[in-house]
Amino acid sequence: MTTDTKSADIQLIQRILPHRYPFLLVDKVIEIDGINSAIGVKNVTMNEPHFQGHFPGTPIMPGVTIVEAMAQTAGVMLGVGMDVIDSDLLIYFMNIDKCKFRRKVVPGDVLQMHVETLRGKKGGKIFKFNGRATVDGEVAGEAEFSAYVDWDMEKTT
């Protein structure tokens, strides 16, 4: 695998992220620019478990899952950009800042997660990202978040 990869389908995503149903919240990443930026896609469907209780009769995607979808998109970007596919990569939230929600995300929406790296370098362990989630070009949520990348560099080089 080379860092020339510009996108990721669900099979590649599952080789990078440990998340699985019901907590895998990115279906594909349509654009990856190294460790600089990426655009992920989440097809929001009624059969997701959180819609049973959030809210009955008025299903709305929880804001925390929107932020998690942005973080997972960043994780795929790092996995591809640092060429650490199939390496047991784990990424942990450190903080979330400037988090705002602008519109409801409902079943049938296609959520796009736009993430960019604000701080961090290839081979590093601490990263800061800016994330913006949109539906049909309208901002649904945004946040800055930091993460700790847990990986064994000797295993991946």
C-alpha atoms as a PDB file:
ATOM      1  CA  MET A   1       0.000   0.000   0.000  1.00  0.00           C
ATOM      2  CA  THR A   2       1.302   3.473  -0.779  1.00  0.00           C
ATOM      3  CA  THR A   3       0.397   6.880   0.559  1.00  0.00           C
ATOM      4  CA  ASP A   4      -0.788   7.786  -2.964  1.00  0.00           C
ATOM      5  CA  THR A   5      -4.233   6.456  -2.012  1.00  0.00           C
ATOM      6  CA  LYS A   6      -6.778   9.234  -2.513  1.00  0.00           C
ATOM      7  CA  SER A   7      -9.928   7.480  -1.217  1.00  0.00           C
ATOM      8  CA  ALA A   8     -11.068   4.576   0.948  1.00  0.00           C
ATOM      9  CA  ASP A   9     -13.950   2.162   0.500  1.00  0.00           C
ATOM     10  CA  ILE A  10     -15.525   0.263   3.397  1.00  0.00           C
ATOM     11  CA  GLN A  11     -13.080  -2.653   3.072  1.00  0.00           C
ATOM     12  CA  LEU A  12     -10.083  -0.341   3.425  1.00  0.00           C
ATOM     13  CA  ILE A  13     -11.749   1.582   6.262  1.00  0.00           C
ATOM     14  CA  GLN A  14     -12.173  -1.681   8.188  1.00  0.00           C
ATOM     15  CA  ARG A  15      -8.484  -2.461   7.688  1.00  0.00           C
ATOM     16  CA  ILE A  16      -7.646   0.873   9.375  1.00  0.00           C
ATOM     17  CA  LEU A  17     -10.292   1.431  12.067  1.00  0.00           C
ATOM     18  CA  PRO A  18     -11.204  -1.122  14.752  1.00  0.00           C
ATOM     19  CA  HIS A  19     -14.834   0.123  14.838  1.00  0.00           C
ATOM     20  CA  ARG A  20     -17.639  -2.176  13.696  1.00  0.00           C
ATOM     21  CA  TYR A  21     -21.430  -2.047  13.621  1.00  0.00           C
ATOM     22  CA  PRO A  22     -23.150  -0.304  15.268  1.00  0.00           C
ATOM     23  CA  PHE A  23     -20.306   2.146  15.882  1.00  0.00           C
ATOM     24  CA  LEU A  24     -18.598   2.347  12.495  1.00  0.00           C
ATOM     25  CA  LEU A  25     -19.873   5.743  11.357  1.00  0.00           C
ATOM     26  CA  VAL A  26     -18.099   6.334   8.041  1.00  0.00           C
ATOM     27  CA  ASP A  27     -19.095   4.436   4.881  1.00  0.00           C
ATOM     28  CA  LYS A  28     -16.386   5.753   2.574  1.00  0.00           C
ATOM     29  CA  VAL A  29     -13.780   8.478   2.323  1.00  0.00           C
ATOM     30  CA  ILE A  30     -13.986  10.116  -1.076  1.00  0.00           C
ATOM     31  CA  GLU A  31     -10.974  12.389  -0.846  1.00  0.00           C
ATOM     32  CA  ILE A  32      -7.728  12.010   1.095  1.00  0.00           C
ATOM     33  CA  ASP A  33      -4.828  14.459   0.892  1.00  0.00           C
ATOM     34  CA  GLY A  34      -2.093  12.713   2.873  1.00  0.00           C
ATOM     35  CA  ILE A  35      -2.467  13.648   6.531  1.00  0.00           C
ATOM     36  CA  ASN A  36      -3.703  17.140   5.609  1.00  0.00           C
ATOM     37  CA  SER A  37      -7.411  16.726   4.854  1.00  0.00           C
ATOM     38  CA  ALA A  38     -10.155  14.274   3.966  1.00  0.00           C
ATOM     39  CA  ILE A  39     -13.852  14.070   3.150  1.00  0.00           C
ATOM     40  CA  GLY A  40     -15.819  11.142   4.551  1.00  0.00           C
ATOM     41  CA  VAL A  41     -19.383  10.051   3.797  1.00  0.00           C
ATOM     42  CA  LYS A  42     -21.999   8.575   6.134  1.00  0.00           C
ATOM     43  CA  ASN A  43     -25.311   7.413   4.658  1.00  0.00           C
ATOM     44  CA  VAL A  44     -27.781   7.963   7.484  1.00  0.00           C
ATOM     45  CA  THR A  45     -30.401   5.185   7.631  1.00  0.00           C
ATOM     46  CA  MET A  46     -33.408   4.513   9.855  1.00  0.00           C
ATOM     47  CA  ASN A  47     -32.120   1.067  10.860  1.00  0.00           C
ATOM     48  CA  GLU A  48     -29.370   2.548  13.060  1.00  0.00           C
ATOM     49  CA  PRO A  49     -29.950   1.635  16.721  1.00  0.00           C
ATOM     50  CA  HIS A  50     -29.788   5.167  18.163  1.00  0.00           C
ATOM     51  CA  PHE A  51     -32.916   6.190  16.227  1.00  0.00           C
ATOM     52  CA  GLN A  52     -35.073   3.889  18.384  1.00  0.00           C
ATOM     53  CA  GLY A  53     -34.660   6.251  21.320  1.00  0.00           C
ATOM     54  CA  HIS A  54     -33.387   9.515  19.803  1.00  0.00           C
ATOM     55  CA  PHE A  55     -36.244  10.384  19.420  1.00  0.00           C
ATOM     56  CA  PRO A  56     -39.225   8.027  18.979  1.00  0.00           C
ATOM     57  CA  GLY A  57     -41.324   9.407  16.122  1.00  0.00           C
ATOM     58  CA  THR A  58     -38.731  12.094  15.331  1.00  0.00           C
ATOM     59  CA  PRO A  59     -35.431  10.351  14.545  1.00  0.00           C
ATOM     60  CA  ILE A  60     -32.425  12.679  14.811  1.00  0.00           C
ATOM     61  CA  MET A  61     -28.771  11.601  14.640  1.00  0.00           C
ATOM     62  CA  PRO A  62     -27.176  12.413  18.025  1.00  0.00           C
ATOM     63  CA  GLY A  63     -24.608  15.199  17.920  1.00  0.00           C
ATOM     64  CA  VAL A  64     -21.990  13.044  19.609  1.00  0.00           C
ATOM     65  CA  THR A  65     -22.218  10.535  16.747  1.00  0.00           C
ATOM     66  CA  ILE A  66     -21.708  13.358  14.239  1.00  0.00           C
ATOM     67  CA  VAL A  67     -18.496  14.327  16.057  1.00  0.00           C
ATOM     68  CA  GLU A  68     -17.469  10.655  16.207  1.00  0.00           C
ATOM     69  CA  ALA A  69     -18.038  10.343  12.435  1.00  0.00           C
ATOM     70  CA  MET A  70     -15.704  13.312  11.893  1.00  0.00           C
ATOM     71  CA  ALA A  71     -13.108  11.698  14.172  1.00  0.00           C
ATOM     72  CA  GLN A  72     -13.356   8.374  12.349  1.00  0.00           C
ATOM     73  CA  THR A  73     -12.838  10.194   9.042  1.00  0.00           C
ATOM     74  CA  ALA A  74      -9.682  11.737  10.537  1.00  0.00           C
ATOM     75  CA  GLY A  75      -8.579   8.265  11.648  1.00  0.00           C
ATOM     76  CA  VAL A  76      -8.945   6.880   8.126  1.00  0.00           C
ATOM     77  CA  MET A  77      -7.020   9.873   6.782  1.00  0.00           C
ATOM     78  CA  LEU A  78      -4.161   9.187   9.214  1.00  0.00           C
ATOM     79  CA  GLY A  79      -4.180   5.470   8.459  1.00  0.00           C
ATOM     80  CA  VAL A  80      -3.883   6.091   4.730  1.00  0.00           C
ATOM     81  CA  GLY A  81      -1.634   9.167   4.979  1.00  0.00           C
ATOM     82  CA  MET A  82       0.843   7.460   7.301  1.00  0.00           C
ATOM     83  CA  ASP A  83       0.598   4.127   5.471  1.00  0.00           C
ATOM     84  CA  VAL A  84      -0.376   2.213   8.614  1.00  0.00           C
ATOM     85  CA  ILE A  85      -3.085   0.011   7.141  1.00  0.00           C
ATOM     86  CA  ASP A  86      -3.461  -3.389   8.898  1.00  0.00           C
ATOM     87  CA  SER A  87      -1.472  -2.150  11.901  1.00  0.00           C
ATOM     88  CA  ASP A  88      -3.905  -2.241  14.859  1.00  0.00           C
ATOM     89  CA  LEU A  89      -4.144   1.553  14.881  1.00  0.00           C
ATOM     90  CA  LEU A  90      -6.068   3.016  17.828  1.00  0.00           C
ATOM     91  CA  ILE A  91      -6.929   6.690  18.135  1.00  0.00           C
ATOM     92  CA  TYR A  92      -8.302   8.219  21.344  1.00  0.00           C
ATOM     93  CA  PHE A  93     -10.117  11.530  21.823  1.00  0.00           C
ATOM     94  CA  MET A  94      -8.188  13.956  23.995  1.00  0.00           C
ATOM     95  CA  ASN A  95     -10.567  16.904  23.788  1.00  0.00           C
ATOM     96  CA  ILE A  96     -13.358  18.495  21.791  1.00  0.00           C
ATOM     97  CA  ASP A  97     -13.573  22.298  21.438  1.00  0.00           C
ATOM     98  CA  LYS A  98     -15.750  24.808  19.618  1.00  0.00           C
ATOM     99  CA  CYS A  99     -18.432  22.184  19.033  1.00  0.00           C
ATOM    100  CA  LYS A 100     -21.658  23.489  17.501  1.00  0.00           C
ATOM    101  CA  PHE A 101     -24.636  21.896  15.823  1.00  0.00           C
ATOM    102  CA  ARG A 102     -26.470  23.818  13.103  1.00  0.00           C
ATOM    103  CA  ARG A 103     -29.143  21.501  11.669  1.00  0.00           C
ATOM    104  CA  LYS A 104     -30.794  18.160  12.330  1.00  0.00           C
ATOM    105  CA  VAL A 105     -29.395  15.068  10.615  1.00  0.00           C
ATOM    106  CA  VAL A 106     -32.166  12.579   9.846  1.00  0.00           C
ATOM    107  CA  PRO A 107     -32.561   9.218   8.107  1.00  0.00           C
ATOM    108  CA  GLY A 108     -32.097   9.625   4.361  1.00  0.00           C
ATOM    109  CA  ASP A 109     -29.442  12.332   4.734  1.00  0.00           C
ATOM    110  CA  VAL A 110     -25.961  11.902   3.315  1.00  0.00           C
ATOM    111  CA  LEU A 111     -23.571  13.345   5.868  1.00  0.00           C
ATOM    112  CA  GLN A 112     -20.208  14.560   4.589  1.00  0.00           C
ATOM    113  CA  MET A 113     -17.413  14.954   7.116  1.00  0.00           C
ATOM    114  CA  HIS A 114     -14.734  17.447   6.097  1.00  0.00           C
ATOM    115  CA  VAL A 115     -11.647  17.196   8.298  1.00  0.00           C
ATOM    116  CA  GLU A 116      -8.330  18.981   8.191  1.00  0.00           C
ATOM    117  CA  THR A 117      -5.255  18.626  10.336  1.00  0.00           C
ATOM    118  CA  LEU A 118      -4.455  21.751  12.331  1.00  0.00           C
ATOM    119  CA  ARG A 119      -1.493  20.271  14.211  1.00  0.00           C
ATOM    120  CA  GLY A 120       0.452  17.040  13.961  1.00  0.00           C
ATOM    121  CA  LYS A 121       3.075  15.467  11.766  1.00  0.00           C
ATOM    122  CA  LYS A 122       3.668  12.143  10.091  1.00  0.00           C
ATOM    123  CA  GLY A 123       4.879   9.690  12.716  1.00  0.00           C
ATOM    124  CA  GLY A 124       3.548  11.852  15.559  1.00  0.00           C
ATOM    125  CA  LYS A 125       1.219  10.775  18.317  1.00  0.00           C
ATOM    126  CA  ILE A 126      -0.764  13.963  19.062  1.00  0.00           C
ATOM    127  CA  PHE A 127      -2.990  15.578  16.420  1.00  0.00           C
ATOM    128  CA  LYS A 128      -5.492  18.401  16.352  1.00  0.00           C
ATOM    129  CA  PHE A 129      -8.220  18.540  13.705  1.00  0.00           C
ATOM    130  CA  ASN A 130     -10.934  20.849  12.492  1.00  0.00           C
ATOM    131  CA  GLY A 131     -14.097  19.035  11.447  1.00  0.00           C
ATOM    132  CA  ARG A 132     -17.205  20.204   9.627  1.00  0.00           C
ATOM    133  CA  ALA A 133     -20.153  17.928   8.885  1.00  0.00           C
ATOM    134  CA  THR A 134     -22.532  18.939   6.099  1.00  0.00           C
ATOM    135  CA  VAL A 135     -25.755  17.720   4.482  1.00  0.00           C
ATOM    136  CA  ASP A 136     -26.427  19.010   0.957  1.00  0.00           C
ATOM    137  CA  GLY A 137     -23.783  21.703   1.504  1.00  0.00           C
ATOM    138  CA  GLU A 138     -25.442  22.973   4.706  1.00  0.00           C
ATOM    139  CA  VAL A 139     -23.368  22.789   7.909  1.00  0.00           C
ATOM    140  CA  ALA A 140     -24.855  20.302  10.372  1.00  0.00           C
ATOM    141  CA  GLY A 141     -22.057  20.378  12.946  1.00  0.00           C
ATOM    142  CA  GLU A 142     -18.517  21.537  13.502  1.00  0.00           C
ATOM    143  CA  ALA A 143     -15.794  21.025  16.084  1.00  0.00           C
ATOM    144  CA  GLU A 144     -12.096  21.110  16.751  1.00  0.00           C
ATOM    145  CA  PHE A 145     -10.813  17.932  18.369  1.00  0.00           C
ATOM    146  CA  SER A 146      -7.512  16.465  19.464  1.00  0.00           C
ATOM    147  CA  ALA A 147      -6.502  12.836  19.480  1.00  0.00           C
ATOM    148  CA  TYR A 148      -3.761  10.565  20.709  1.00  0.00           C
ATOM    149  CA  VAL A 149      -2.574   8.048  18.116  1.00  0.00           C
ATOM    150  CA  ASP A 150      -1.608   4.766  19.765  1.00  0.00           C
ATOM    151  CA  TRP A 151       0.611   2.739  17.463  1.00  0.00           C
ATOM    152  CA  ASP A 152       3.931   1.005  17.453  1.00  0.00           C
ATOM    153  CA  MET A 153       6.141   2.833  14.948  1.00  0.00           C
ATOM    154  CA  GLU A 154       8.565  -0.080  14.762  1.00  0.00           C
ATOM    155  CA  LYS A 155       5.685  -2.333  13.700  1.00  0.00           C
ATOM    156  CA  THR A 156       4.593   0.052  10.933  1.00  0.00           C
ATOM    157  CA  THR A 157       7.892   1.069   9.363  1.00  0.00           C
END
